[in-house]
Amino acid sequence: MASGLAGAWAAKGHAVMIGSRNPAAARSRQEGRDPRIQVGTVRDAVAFGNVVLLAAPWEFVEAAIRGAGSFRGKILIDCTNSFAVGTGGPAMRSGAPLSAAEEVAGWAAGSAVFKAFNSIYWENLANPVIGEEPLCCFFCGEDGEDKSIVERLIRDAGFAPIDAGPLLSARYLEPLAFLWMQLAFEQGMGTDIALTLTRRRPRG
């Protein structure tokens, strides 16, 4: 997710840095790719950007945030999915009082957290269009200028942004990822699918 969105945003003229726990390995993977994308530590990337994309396995998220420096004044886009531990396949945590995004907001003090991209498969980042319509990206977070910036970044990545309301709505958006996984992997539909919203065209 991080690499795919970094490429899409760099192509639109955004300054981008990928943060990694192993910057040397990340730089090696980035060789020969878009030279506009910088690579550094996670702390480097958080200090670099006004907007931070959180793209990490859920079991590492809290430690990554707490070790990344200050998020105060940053926009934090959370595309993670919180898997239950010890299950036989993809499964949501049961009984959690908060969504993953709400937990992230508690750990990243002073940031404006938005949920986005969590139900989009990484392979679709390269071509976010099926037929003639861009795929939908459901997102949520508090209204204001920060939300407009997130909406623009979703459009710049090639998706149609669908505003699902305040951050509380992450409780509804996060299960969409597990529905997608059920359809793609368990129901055998494959990964070239997407969850989207259609509207009936006005008559006349």
C-alpha atoms as a PDB file:
ATOM      1  CA  MET A   1       0.000   0.000   0.000  1.00  0.00           C
ATOM      2  CA  ALA A   2       2.740   2.434   0.954  1.00  0.00           C
ATOM      3  CA  SER A   3       4.724   1.897  -2.245  1.00  0.00           C
ATOM      4  CA  GLY A   4       1.668   1.995  -4.508  1.00  0.00           C
ATOM      5  CA  LEU A   5       0.239   5.182  -3.019  1.00  0.00           C
ATOM      6  CA  ALA A   6       3.682   6.797  -2.884  1.00  0.00           C
ATOM      7  CA  GLY A   7       4.024   6.279  -6.633  1.00  0.00           C
ATOM      8  CA  ALA A   8       0.556   7.628  -7.386  1.00  0.00           C
ATOM      9  CA  TRP A   9       1.059  10.726  -5.242  1.00  0.00           C
ATOM     10  CA  ALA A  10       4.562  11.421  -6.549  1.00  0.00           C
ATOM     11  CA  ALA A  11       3.182  11.271 -10.088  1.00  0.00           C
ATOM     12  CA  LYS A  12       0.769  14.059  -9.101  1.00  0.00           C
ATOM     13  CA  GLY A  13       3.603  16.239  -7.893  1.00  0.00           C
ATOM     14  CA  HIS A  14       3.486  15.540  -4.168  1.00  0.00           C
ATOM     15  CA  ALA A  15       6.767  15.320  -2.250  1.00  0.00           C
ATOM     16  CA  VAL A  16       6.904  11.797  -0.824  1.00  0.00           C
ATOM     17  CA  MET A  17       9.102   9.928   1.621  1.00  0.00           C
ATOM     18  CA  ILE A  18       8.674   6.251   2.472  1.00  0.00           C
ATOM     19  CA  GLY A  19       9.526   5.428   6.080  1.00  0.00           C
ATOM     20  CA  SER A  20      10.871   1.974   6.892  1.00  0.00           C
ATOM     21  CA  ARG A  21      12.234   0.072   9.877  1.00  0.00           C
ATOM     22  CA  ASN A  22      14.981  -1.003   7.470  1.00  0.00           C
ATOM     23  CA  PRO A  23      15.742   2.004   5.239  1.00  0.00           C
ATOM     24  CA  ALA A  24      18.668   0.299   3.484  1.00  0.00           C
ATOM     25  CA  ALA A  25      16.447  -2.552   2.284  1.00  0.00           C
ATOM     26  CA  ALA A  26      13.704  -0.097   1.328  1.00  0.00           C
ATOM     27  CA  ARG A  27      16.180   1.973  -0.712  1.00  0.00           C
ATOM     28  CA  SER A  28      17.325  -1.186  -2.474  1.00  0.00           C
ATOM     29  CA  ARG A  29      13.742  -2.024  -3.421  1.00  0.00           C
ATOM     30  CA  GLN A  30      13.217   1.546  -4.623  1.00  0.00           C
ATOM     31  CA  GLU A  31      16.267   1.558  -6.919  1.00  0.00           C
ATOM     32  CA  GLY A  32      15.314   2.081 -10.537  1.00  0.00           C
ATOM     33  CA  ARG A  33      11.842   3.254  -9.599  1.00  0.00           C
ATOM     34  CA  ASP A  34      10.494   6.781  -9.218  1.00  0.00           C
ATOM     35  CA  PRO A  35      13.450   9.002  -8.241  1.00  0.00           C
ATOM     36  CA  ARG A  36      11.051  11.554  -6.752  1.00  0.00           C
ATOM     37  CA  ILE A  37      10.316   9.207  -3.838  1.00  0.00           C
ATOM     38  CA  GLN A  38      12.710   9.526  -0.912  1.00  0.00           C
ATOM     39  CA  VAL A  39      13.344   6.789   1.659  1.00  0.00           C
ATOM     40  CA  GLY A  40      14.183   7.168   5.344  1.00  0.00           C
ATOM     41  CA  THR A  41      13.360   5.845   8.768  1.00  0.00           C
ATOM     42  CA  VAL A  42       9.794   5.928  10.064  1.00  0.00           C
ATOM     43  CA  ARG A  43      10.766   8.874  12.262  1.00  0.00           C
ATOM     44  CA  ASP A  44      12.269  10.643   9.217  1.00  0.00           C
ATOM     45  CA  ALA A  45       9.070  10.188   7.227  1.00  0.00           C
ATOM     46  CA  VAL A  46       6.808  11.457   9.993  1.00  0.00           C
ATOM     47  CA  ALA A  47       8.967  14.559  10.415  1.00  0.00           C
ATOM     48  CA  PHE A  48       9.066  15.053   6.617  1.00  0.00           C
ATOM     49  CA  GLY A  49       5.371  15.045   5.778  1.00  0.00           C
ATOM     50  CA  ASN A  50       2.340  17.131   6.613  1.00  0.00           C
ATOM     51  CA  VAL A  51       0.313  14.029   5.783  1.00  0.00           C
ATOM     52  CA  VAL A  52       1.364  10.592   7.055  1.00  0.00           C
ATOM     53  CA  LEU A  53       0.053   7.301   5.659  1.00  0.00           C
ATOM     54  CA  LEU A  54      -0.031   4.539   8.262  1.00  0.00           C
ATOM     55  CA  ALA A  55       0.501   1.251   6.400  1.00  0.00           C
ATOM     56  CA  ALA A  56       1.773  -1.492   8.704  1.00  0.00           C
ATOM     57  CA  PRO A  57       0.636  -4.880   9.998  1.00  0.00           C
ATOM     58  CA  TRP A  58      -1.680  -4.281  12.936  1.00  0.00           C
ATOM     59  CA  GLU A  59       0.552  -6.035  15.478  1.00  0.00           C
ATOM     60  CA  PHE A  60       3.289  -3.441  14.845  1.00  0.00           C
ATOM     61  CA  VAL A  61       1.104  -0.323  14.655  1.00  0.00           C
ATOM     62  CA  GLU A  62       1.171   0.870  18.256  1.00  0.00           C
ATOM     63  CA  ALA A  63       4.933   0.426  18.609  1.00  0.00           C
ATOM     64  CA  ALA A  64       5.519   2.144  15.250  1.00  0.00           C
ATOM     65  CA  ILE A  65       3.451   5.154  16.250  1.00  0.00           C
ATOM     66  CA  ARG A  66       5.009   5.476  19.689  1.00  0.00           C
ATOM     67  CA  GLY A  67       8.511   5.293  18.210  1.00  0.00           C
ATOM     68  CA  ALA A  68       7.910   7.662  15.297  1.00  0.00           C
ATOM     69  CA  GLY A  69       8.144  11.033  17.030  1.00  0.00           C
ATOM     70  CA  SER A  70       5.490  13.706  17.277  1.00  0.00           C
ATOM     71  CA  PHE A  71       2.341  13.571  15.141  1.00  0.00           C
ATOM     72  CA  ARG A  72       1.095  16.914  16.448  1.00  0.00           C
ATOM     73  CA  GLY A  73      -0.443  18.955  13.650  1.00  0.00           C
ATOM     74  CA  LYS A  74      -0.162  16.082  11.139  1.00  0.00           C
ATOM     75  CA  ILE A  75      -2.893  14.493   9.071  1.00  0.00           C
ATOM     76  CA  LEU A  76      -2.698  10.730   9.635  1.00  0.00           C
ATOM     77  CA  ILE A  77      -4.365   8.445   7.079  1.00  0.00           C
ATOM     78  CA  ASP A  78      -4.898   4.990   8.570  1.00  0.00           C
ATOM     79  CA  CYS A  79      -5.263   2.171   6.033  1.00  0.00           C
ATOM     80  CA  THR A  80      -4.640  -0.661   8.503  1.00  0.00           C
ATOM     81  CA  ASN A  81      -6.891  -3.590   9.348  1.00  0.00           C
ATOM     82  CA  SER A  82      -6.871  -5.077  12.834  1.00  0.00           C
ATOM     83  CA  PHE A  83      -6.745  -8.859  12.581  1.00  0.00           C
ATOM     84  CA  ALA A  84      -7.642 -11.125  15.454  1.00  0.00           C
ATOM     85  CA  VAL A  85      -4.676 -13.146  16.722  1.00  0.00           C
ATOM     86  CA  GLY A  86      -4.600 -16.942  16.470  1.00  0.00           C
ATOM     87  CA  THR A  87      -7.380 -17.388  13.915  1.00  0.00           C
ATOM     88  CA  GLY A  88      -7.339 -19.772  11.003  1.00  0.00           C
ATOM     89  CA  GLY A  89      -7.887 -16.990   8.480  1.00  0.00           C
ATOM     90  CA  PRO A  90      -8.746 -13.302   8.179  1.00  0.00           C
ATOM     91  CA  ALA A  91     -10.951 -12.335  11.103  1.00  0.00           C
ATOM     92  CA  MET A  92     -11.871  -9.155  12.889  1.00  0.00           C
ATOM     93  CA  ARG A  93     -11.211  -8.695  16.560  1.00  0.00           C
ATOM     94  CA  SER A  94     -14.384  -9.329  18.518  1.00  0.00           C
ATOM     95  CA  GLY A  95     -15.524  -7.215  21.440  1.00  0.00           C
ATOM     96  CA  ALA A  96     -13.132  -4.308  20.799  1.00  0.00           C
ATOM     97  CA  PRO A  97     -14.807  -1.114  22.094  1.00  0.00           C
ATOM     98  CA  LEU A  98     -13.097   1.094  19.512  1.00  0.00           C
ATOM     99  CA  SER A  99     -12.252   0.820  15.834  1.00  0.00           C
ATOM    100  CA  ALA A 100      -8.591   0.492  14.903  1.00  0.00           C
ATOM    101  CA  ALA A 101      -8.642   4.083  13.638  1.00  0.00           C
ATOM    102  CA  GLU A 102      -9.954   5.353  16.968  1.00  0.00           C
ATOM    103  CA  GLU A 103      -7.175   3.495  18.761  1.00  0.00           C
ATOM    104  CA  VAL A 104      -4.660   5.031  16.361  1.00  0.00           C
ATOM    105  CA  ALA A 105      -6.037   8.483  17.190  1.00  0.00           C
ATOM    106  CA  GLY A 106      -5.384   7.799  20.860  1.00  0.00           C
ATOM    107  CA  TRP A 107      -1.778   6.772  20.226  1.00  0.00           C
ATOM    108  CA  ALA A 108      -0.942   9.566  17.750  1.00  0.00           C
ATOM    109  CA  ALA A 109      -1.744  12.505  20.021  1.00  0.00           C
ATOM    110  CA  GLY A 110      -2.394  15.824  18.328  1.00  0.00           C
ATOM    111  CA  SER A 111      -2.980  14.371  14.862  1.00  0.00           C
ATOM    112  CA  ALA A 112      -6.097  14.452  12.692  1.00  0.00           C
ATOM    113  CA  VAL A 113      -6.818  10.784  11.917  1.00  0.00           C
ATOM    114  CA  PHE A 114      -8.737   9.599   8.873  1.00  0.00           C
ATOM    115  CA  LYS A 115      -9.622   6.063   7.810  1.00  0.00           C
ATOM    116  CA  ALA A 116      -9.114   5.405   4.096  1.00  0.00           C
ATOM    117  CA  PHE A 117      -7.887   2.779   1.601  1.00  0.00           C
ATOM    118  CA  ASN A 118      -8.358  -0.108   4.082  1.00  0.00           C
ATOM    119  CA  SER A 119     -10.788  -2.060   1.871  1.00  0.00           C
ATOM    120  CA  ILE A 120      -8.768  -1.610  -1.341  1.00  0.00           C
ATOM    121  CA  TYR A 121      -6.430  -4.391  -2.447  1.00  0.00           C
ATOM    122  CA  TRP A 122      -2.919  -3.168  -3.162  1.00  0.00           C
ATOM    123  CA  GLU A 123      -2.900  -4.527  -6.722  1.00  0.00           C
ATOM    124  CA  ASN A 124      -5.790  -2.210  -7.595  1.00  0.00           C
ATOM    125  CA  LEU A 125      -3.653   0.844  -6.808  1.00  0.00           C
ATOM    126  CA  ALA A 126      -1.924   0.461 -10.177  1.00  0.00           C
ATOM    127  CA  ASN A 127      -5.232   0.638 -12.080  1.00  0.00           C
ATOM    128  CA  PRO A 128      -8.087   1.966  -9.939  1.00  0.00           C
ATOM    129  CA  VAL A 129     -10.662   1.789 -12.747  1.00  0.00           C
ATOM    130  CA  ILE A 130     -13.058  -0.989 -13.670  1.00  0.00           C
ATOM    131  CA  GLY A 131     -14.968  -0.405 -16.888  1.00  0.00           C
ATOM    132  CA  GLU A 132     -15.063   3.372 -17.207  1.00  0.00           C
ATOM    133  CA  GLU A 133     -15.585   4.213 -13.540  1.00  0.00           C
ATOM    134  CA  PRO A 134     -12.927   4.851 -10.894  1.00  0.00           C
ATOM    135  CA  LEU A 135     -13.138   2.583  -7.882  1.00  0.00           C
ATOM    136  CA  CYS A 136     -14.607   4.041  -4.720  1.00  0.00           C
ATOM    137  CA  CYS A 137     -12.493   4.807  -1.684  1.00  0.00           C
ATOM    138  CA  PHE A 138     -14.600   5.087   1.451  1.00  0.00           C
ATOM    139  CA  PHE A 139     -13.080   7.391   4.042  1.00  0.00           C
ATOM    140  CA  CYS A 140     -14.025   9.025   7.308  1.00  0.00           C
ATOM    141  CA  GLY A 141     -12.766  11.617   9.766  1.00  0.00           C
ATOM    142  CA  GLU A 142     -13.747  14.958  11.167  1.00  0.00           C
ATOM    143  CA  ASP A 143     -14.991  17.652   8.775  1.00  0.00           C
ATOM    144  CA  GLY A 144     -12.801  20.624   7.893  1.00  0.00           C
ATOM    145  CA  GLU A 145      -9.807  21.597   5.789  1.00  0.00           C
ATOM    146  CA  ASP A 146      -7.903  18.421   6.718  1.00  0.00           C
ATOM    147  CA  LYS A 147     -10.705  16.286   5.325  1.00  0.00           C
ATOM    148  CA  SER A 148     -10.584  18.224   2.056  1.00  0.00           C
ATOM    149  CA  ILE A 149      -6.860  17.438   1.810  1.00  0.00           C
ATOM    150  CA  VAL A 150      -7.523  13.728   2.341  1.00  0.00           C
ATOM    151  CA  GLU A 151     -10.268  13.817  -0.292  1.00  0.00           C
ATOM    152  CA  ARG A 152      -7.861  15.424  -2.760  1.00  0.00           C
ATOM    153  CA  LEU A 153      -5.219  12.768  -2.082  1.00  0.00           C
ATOM    154  CA  ILE A 154      -7.790  10.039  -2.716  1.00  0.00           C
ATOM    155  CA  ARG A 155      -8.646  11.655  -6.061  1.00  0.00           C
ATOM    156  CA  ASP A 156      -4.951  12.063  -6.877  1.00  0.00           C
ATOM    157  CA  ALA A 157      -4.535   8.317  -6.336  1.00  0.00           C
ATOM    158  CA  GLY A 158      -7.208   7.769  -9.002  1.00  0.00           C
ATOM    159  CA  PHE A 159     -10.149   6.816  -6.765  1.00  0.00           C
ATOM    160  CA  ALA A 160     -13.596   8.313  -6.248  1.00  0.00           C
ATOM    161  CA  PRO A 161     -13.759   9.487  -2.608  1.00  0.00           C
ATOM    162  CA  ILE A 162     -16.903   8.562  -0.658  1.00  0.00           C
ATOM    163  CA  ASP A 163     -17.215  10.531   2.586  1.00  0.00           C
ATOM    164  CA  ALA A 164     -18.655   8.199   5.236  1.00  0.00           C
ATOM    165  CA  GLY A 165     -18.780  10.764   8.036  1.00  0.00           C
ATOM    166  CA  PRO A 166     -16.760  11.286  11.234  1.00  0.00           C
ATOM    167  CA  LEU A 167     -14.031   8.989  12.537  1.00  0.00           C
ATOM    168  CA  LEU A 168     -16.655   6.986  14.415  1.00  0.00           C
ATOM    169  CA  SER A 169     -17.661   5.603  10.998  1.00  0.00           C
ATOM    170  CA  ALA A 170     -14.402   3.658  10.912  1.00  0.00           C
ATOM    171  CA  ARG A 171     -16.370   1.085  12.924  1.00  0.00           C
ATOM    172  CA  TYR A 172     -18.410   0.500   9.748  1.00  0.00           C
ATOM    173  CA  LEU A 173     -15.607   0.874   7.199  1.00  0.00           C
ATOM    174  CA  GLU A 174     -13.186  -1.569   8.788  1.00  0.00           C
ATOM    175  CA  PRO A 175     -15.491  -4.611   8.377  1.00  0.00           C
ATOM    176  CA  LEU A 176     -15.605  -3.878   4.622  1.00  0.00           C
ATOM    177  CA  ALA A 177     -12.027  -5.114   4.331  1.00  0.00           C
ATOM    178  CA  PHE A 178     -12.978  -8.469   5.818  1.00  0.00           C
ATOM    179  CA  LEU A 179     -15.985  -8.739   3.493  1.00  0.00           C
ATOM    180  CA  TRP A 180     -13.634  -8.091   0.570  1.00  0.00           C
ATOM    181  CA  MET A 181     -11.250 -10.801   1.800  1.00  0.00           C
ATOM    182  CA  GLN A 182     -14.102 -13.268   2.258  1.00  0.00           C
ATOM    183  CA  LEU A 183     -15.289 -12.698  -1.303  1.00  0.00           C
ATOM    184  CA  ALA A 184     -11.819 -12.682  -2.856  1.00  0.00           C
ATOM    185  CA  PHE A 185     -10.213 -15.608  -1.059  1.00  0.00           C
ATOM    186  CA  GLU A 186     -12.889 -17.770   0.556  1.00  0.00           C
ATOM    187  CA  GLN A 187     -15.584 -17.385  -2.126  1.00  0.00           C
ATOM    188  CA  GLY A 188     -13.030 -17.713  -4.908  1.00  0.00           C
ATOM    189  CA  MET A 189     -13.775 -14.432  -6.678  1.00  0.00           C
ATOM    190  CA  GLY A 190     -10.095 -13.509  -6.899  1.00  0.00           C
ATOM    191  CA  THR A 191      -8.381 -10.230  -6.180  1.00  0.00           C
ATOM    192  CA  ASP A 192      -9.480  -8.302  -9.273  1.00  0.00           C
ATOM    193  CA  ILE A 193     -12.628  -7.098  -7.495  1.00  0.00           C
ATOM    194  CA  ALA A 194     -13.575  -4.008  -5.505  1.00  0.00           C
ATOM    195  CA  LEU A 195     -16.346  -2.814  -3.234  1.00  0.00           C
ATOM    196  CA  THR A 196     -17.930   0.291  -4.687  1.00  0.00           C
ATOM    197  CA  LEU A 197     -20.985   2.548  -4.524  1.00  0.00           C
ATOM    198  CA  THR A 198     -23.276   3.067  -7.506  1.00  0.00           C
ATOM    199  CA  ARG A 199     -25.906   5.743  -7.937  1.00  0.00           C
ATOM    200  CA  ARG A 200     -28.960   5.631 -10.140  1.00  0.00           C
ATOM    201  CA  ARG A 201     -28.757   8.323 -12.797  1.00  0.00           C
ATOM    202  CA  PRO A 202     -31.586  10.897 -12.711  1.00  0.00           C
ATOM    203  CA  ARG A 203     -34.317  10.212 -15.244  1.00  0.00           C
ATOM    204  CA  GLY A 204     -35.054  12.578 -18.024  1.00  0.00           C
END
